[in-house]
Amino acid sequence: MKDLTFSIGDVAKQTGVSLKQLRSWGGKYIPAPTRIVCGKRAYRRYTQEQINLVVKIKEYQDQGFTLKTAAQKASEEISQELKTE
């Protein structure tokens, strides 16, 4: 069974993060999304784990942290959660 992935538009709606921000964050603050090639176009596809990370980053930014710090804190938090499972 294939893992469920989401389009950049779906992620933007779910998280409240703009398309432009998501494009910018890919590969820098979140793992680069998979790209699905269809003809001459390539579409970004995000996993649920990437969406969870985006949500955490946004939560930290809303608390007043810089993007860099928010991304670092979110990554650390998710890593801790994975270790405790």
N, C-alpha and C. Protein backbone atom coordinates (compact mmCIF):
# COMPACT_ATOMS: atom_id res chain seq x y z
N MET A 1 0.84 -1.19 0.00
CA MET A 1 0.00 0.00 0.00
C MET A 1 0.88 1.24 0.00
N LYS A 2 0.56 2.19 -0.84
CA LYS A 2 1.33 3.43 -0.91
C LYS A 2 1.02 4.31 0.29
N ASP A 3 2.04 5.05 0.72
CA ASP A 3 1.83 6.04 1.77
C ASP A 3 1.01 7.19 1.20
N LEU A 4 0.13 7.71 2.02
CA LEU A 4 -0.71 8.83 1.60
C LEU A 4 0.13 10.10 1.58
N THR A 5 0.03 10.85 0.49
CA THR A 5 0.73 12.14 0.39
C THR A 5 -0.29 13.22 0.04
N PHE A 6 0.13 14.46 0.24
CA PHE A 6 -0.77 15.59 0.06
C PHE A 6 -0.13 16.63 -0.85
N SER A 7 -0.97 17.33 -1.60
CA SER A 7 -0.48 18.39 -2.48
C SER A 7 -0.10 19.61 -1.65
N ILE A 8 0.66 20.50 -2.26
CA ILE A 8 1.06 21.72 -1.57
C ILE A 8 -0.16 22.56 -1.19
N GLY A 9 -1.19 22.55 -2.03
CA GLY A 9 -2.41 23.29 -1.72
C GLY A 9 -3.12 22.71 -0.50
N ASP A 10 -3.18 21.38 -0.43
CA ASP A 10 -3.79 20.73 0.73
C ASP A 10 -3.04 21.08 2.01
N VAL A 11 -1.71 21.06 1.93
CA VAL A 11 -0.88 21.36 3.10
C VAL A 11 -1.10 22.80 3.54
N ALA A 12 -1.16 23.71 2.59
CA ALA A 12 -1.39 25.12 2.91
C ALA A 12 -2.72 25.29 3.64
N LYS A 13 -3.76 24.63 3.16
CA LYS A 13 -5.08 24.73 3.79
C LYS A 13 -5.07 24.13 5.20
N GLN A 14 -4.41 22.99 5.36
CA GLN A 14 -4.39 22.30 6.65
C GLN A 14 -3.59 23.05 7.70
N THR A 15 -2.53 23.74 7.27
CA THR A 15 -1.58 24.32 8.23
C THR A 15 -1.69 25.83 8.38
N GLY A 16 -2.26 26.50 7.40
CA GLY A 16 -2.30 27.96 7.44
C GLY A 16 -1.00 28.60 7.00
N VAL A 17 -0.11 27.81 6.42
CA VAL A 17 1.16 28.32 5.90
C VAL A 17 0.99 28.52 4.40
N SER A 18 1.44 29.64 3.88
CA SER A 18 1.23 29.96 2.47
C SER A 18 2.02 29.04 1.54
N LEU A 19 1.56 28.98 0.30
CA LEU A 19 2.26 28.19 -0.72
C LEU A 19 3.71 28.67 -0.87
N LYS A 20 3.88 29.98 -0.88
CA LYS A 20 5.22 30.56 -1.04
C LYS A 20 6.13 30.13 0.11
N GLN A 21 5.60 30.17 1.34
CA GLN A 21 6.41 29.75 2.50
C GLN A 21 6.76 28.27 2.40
N LEU A 22 5.80 27.45 2.02
CA LEU A 22 6.06 26.01 1.91
C LEU A 22 7.15 25.73 0.87
N ARG A 23 7.08 26.43 -0.25
CA ARG A 23 8.12 26.25 -1.27
C ARG A 23 9.49 26.64 -0.73
N SER A 24 9.51 27.73 0.00
CA SER A 24 10.76 28.24 0.56
C SER A 24 11.33 27.31 1.63
N TRP A 25 10.47 26.74 2.45
CA TRP A 25 10.91 25.89 3.56
C TRP A 25 11.42 24.53 3.09
N GLY A 26 10.94 24.05 1.95
CA GLY A 26 11.30 22.72 1.46
C GLY A 26 12.80 22.58 1.25
N GLY A 27 13.38 21.61 1.95
CA GLY A 27 14.81 21.37 1.84
C GLY A 27 15.64 22.18 2.80
N LYS A 28 15.05 23.22 3.41
CA LYS A 28 15.77 24.05 4.37
C LYS A 28 15.32 23.74 5.79
N TYR A 29 14.02 23.89 6.02
CA TYR A 29 13.48 23.73 7.36
C TYR A 29 12.65 22.47 7.52
N ILE A 30 12.18 21.94 6.41
CA ILE A 30 11.51 20.65 6.40
C ILE A 30 12.16 19.81 5.29
N PRO A 31 12.09 18.48 5.40
CA PRO A 31 12.65 17.67 4.32
C PRO A 31 11.99 18.03 2.99
N ALA A 32 12.78 18.05 1.94
CA ALA A 32 12.23 18.39 0.63
C ALA A 32 11.12 17.41 0.27
N PRO A 33 9.97 17.93 -0.19
CA PRO A 33 8.88 17.03 -0.57
C PRO A 33 9.24 16.22 -1.80
N THR A 34 8.60 15.08 -1.92
CA THR A 34 8.75 14.25 -3.11
C THR A 34 8.12 14.99 -4.27
N ARG A 35 8.66 14.79 -5.44
CA ARG A 35 8.08 15.42 -6.64
C ARG A 35 7.55 14.34 -7.56
N ILE A 36 6.32 14.53 -7.98
CA ILE A 36 5.67 13.63 -8.92
C ILE A 36 5.68 14.33 -10.27
N VAL A 37 6.29 13.69 -11.28
CA VAL A 37 6.38 14.30 -12.60
C VAL A 37 5.18 13.84 -13.43
N CYS A 38 4.55 14.81 -14.03
CA CYS A 38 3.39 14.55 -14.89
C CYS A 38 3.57 15.42 -16.13
N GLY A 39 4.01 14.80 -17.21
CA GLY A 39 4.31 15.57 -18.41
C GLY A 39 5.53 16.44 -18.17
N LYS A 40 5.39 17.74 -18.39
CA LYS A 40 6.51 18.66 -18.19
C LYS A 40 6.49 19.31 -16.82
N ARG A 41 5.52 18.94 -15.98
CA ARG A 41 5.38 19.56 -14.67
C ARG A 41 5.77 18.58 -13.57
N ALA A 42 6.24 19.14 -12.46
CA ALA A 42 6.56 18.33 -11.29
C ALA A 42 5.76 18.89 -10.12
N TYR A 43 5.06 18.03 -9.43
CA TYR A 43 4.19 18.45 -8.33
C TYR A 43 4.77 17.99 -7.00
N ARG A 44 4.78 18.89 -6.02
CA ARG A 44 5.26 18.55 -4.68
C ARG A 44 4.21 17.71 -3.96
N ARG A 45 4.69 16.66 -3.28
CA ARG A 45 3.81 15.81 -2.48
C ARG A 45 4.41 15.70 -1.08
N TYR A 46 3.62 16.00 -0.08
CA TYR A 46 4.07 16.04 1.31
C TYR A 46 3.51 14.86 2.09
N THR A 47 4.32 14.31 2.98
CA THR A 47 3.87 13.23 3.86
C THR A 47 3.23 13.82 5.10
N GLN A 48 2.55 12.98 5.86
CA GLN A 48 1.94 13.43 7.11
C GLN A 48 3.01 13.90 8.09
N GLU A 49 4.17 13.27 8.08
CA GLU A 49 5.27 13.68 8.97
C GLU A 49 5.74 15.09 8.64
N GLN A 50 5.83 15.40 7.35
CA GLN A 50 6.22 16.75 6.95
C GLN A 50 5.16 17.76 7.37
N ILE A 51 3.91 17.39 7.24
CA ILE A 51 2.82 18.29 7.66
C ILE A 51 2.90 18.54 9.16
N ASN A 52 3.14 17.49 9.93
CA ASN A 52 3.26 17.64 11.38
C ASN A 52 4.38 18.62 11.73
N LEU A 53 5.49 18.52 11.01
CA LEU A 53 6.62 19.41 11.25
C LEU A 53 6.25 20.86 10.90
N VAL A 54 5.55 21.05 9.80
CA VAL A 54 5.11 22.40 9.41
C VAL A 54 4.21 22.99 10.49
N VAL A 55 3.30 22.19 11.01
CA VAL A 55 2.38 22.66 12.06
C VAL A 55 3.17 23.10 13.30
N LYS A 56 4.15 22.29 13.70
CA LYS A 56 4.96 22.64 14.89
C LYS A 56 5.76 23.92 14.64
N ILE A 57 6.34 24.04 13.46
CA ILE A 57 7.11 25.26 13.15
C ILE A 57 6.20 26.47 13.24
N LYS A 58 5.01 26.37 12.66
CA LYS A 58 4.07 27.49 12.69
C LYS A 58 3.67 27.83 14.13
N GLU A 59 3.46 26.81 14.96
CA GLU A 59 3.11 27.06 16.36
C GLU A 59 4.21 27.86 17.06
N TYR A 60 5.46 27.47 16.84
CA TYR A 60 6.57 28.19 17.46
C TYR A 60 6.70 29.61 16.90
N GLN A 61 6.49 29.77 15.60
CA GLN A 61 6.53 31.11 15.02
C GLN A 61 5.43 32.00 15.62
N ASP A 62 4.26 31.42 15.82
CA ASP A 62 3.14 32.17 16.40
C ASP A 62 3.45 32.59 17.84
N GLN A 63 4.36 31.86 18.49
CA GLN A 63 4.78 32.21 19.85
C GLN A 63 5.88 33.28 19.84
N GLY A 64 6.36 33.65 18.64
CA GLY A 64 7.33 34.72 18.54
C GLY A 64 8.75 34.29 18.20
N PHE A 65 8.96 33.00 17.98
CA PHE A 65 10.30 32.52 17.63
C PHE A 65 10.60 32.84 16.16
N THR A 66 11.88 33.03 15.85
CA THR A 66 12.29 33.21 14.45
C THR A 66 12.08 31.90 13.71
N LEU A 67 12.04 31.95 12.40
CA LEU A 67 11.84 30.74 11.61
C LEU A 67 12.92 29.71 11.90
N LYS A 68 14.17 30.15 11.93
CA LYS A 68 15.27 29.22 12.17
C LYS A 68 15.13 28.53 13.53
N THR A 69 14.84 29.30 14.56
CA THR A 69 14.69 28.75 15.90
C THR A 69 13.44 27.87 15.98
N ALA A 70 12.36 28.32 15.37
CA ALA A 70 11.11 27.54 15.36
C ALA A 70 11.32 26.19 14.71
N ALA A 71 12.03 26.17 13.58
CA ALA A 71 12.29 24.92 12.87
C ALA A 71 13.17 23.99 13.70
N GLN A 72 14.16 24.56 14.37
CA GLN A 72 15.05 23.75 15.21
C GLN A 72 14.28 23.15 16.38
N LYS A 73 13.48 23.96 17.06
CA LYS A 73 12.70 23.48 18.20
C LYS A 73 11.69 22.42 17.76
N ALA A 74 11.05 22.64 16.63
CA ALA A 74 10.06 21.68 16.12
C ALA A 74 10.72 20.34 15.79
N SER A 75 11.87 20.40 15.14
CA SER A 75 12.60 19.16 14.80
C SER A 75 12.99 18.40 16.06
N GLU A 76 13.49 19.13 17.06
CA GLU A 76 13.88 18.50 18.32
C GLU A 76 12.68 17.87 19.01
N GLU A 77 11.55 18.56 19.01
CA GLU A 77 10.35 18.05 19.65
C GLU A 77 9.86 16.77 18.97
N ILE A 78 9.84 16.77 17.66
CA ILE A 78 9.39 15.60 16.93
C ILE A 78 10.36 14.43 17.13
N SER A 79 11.65 14.72 17.17
CA SER A 79 12.64 13.67 17.43
C SER A 79 12.42 13.03 18.79
N GLN A 80 12.13 13.87 19.79
CA GLN A 80 11.85 13.35 21.13
C GLN A 80 10.60 12.49 21.15
N GLU A 81 9.58 12.92 20.44
CA GLU A 81 8.34 12.15 20.37
C GLU A 81 8.58 10.79 19.74
N LEU A 82 9.40 10.73 18.70
CA LEU A 82 9.69 9.48 18.03
C LEU A 82 10.48 8.53 18.93
N LYS A 83 11.36 9.10 19.76
CA LYS A 83 12.16 8.27 20.68
C LYS A 83 11.31 7.64 21.76
N THR A 84 10.25 8.32 22.18
CA THR A 84 9.41 7.83 23.27
C THR A 84 8.34 6.84 22.79
N GLU A 85 8.18 6.70 21.49
CA GLU A 85 7.17 5.77 20.97
C GLU A 85 7.66 4.34 21.02
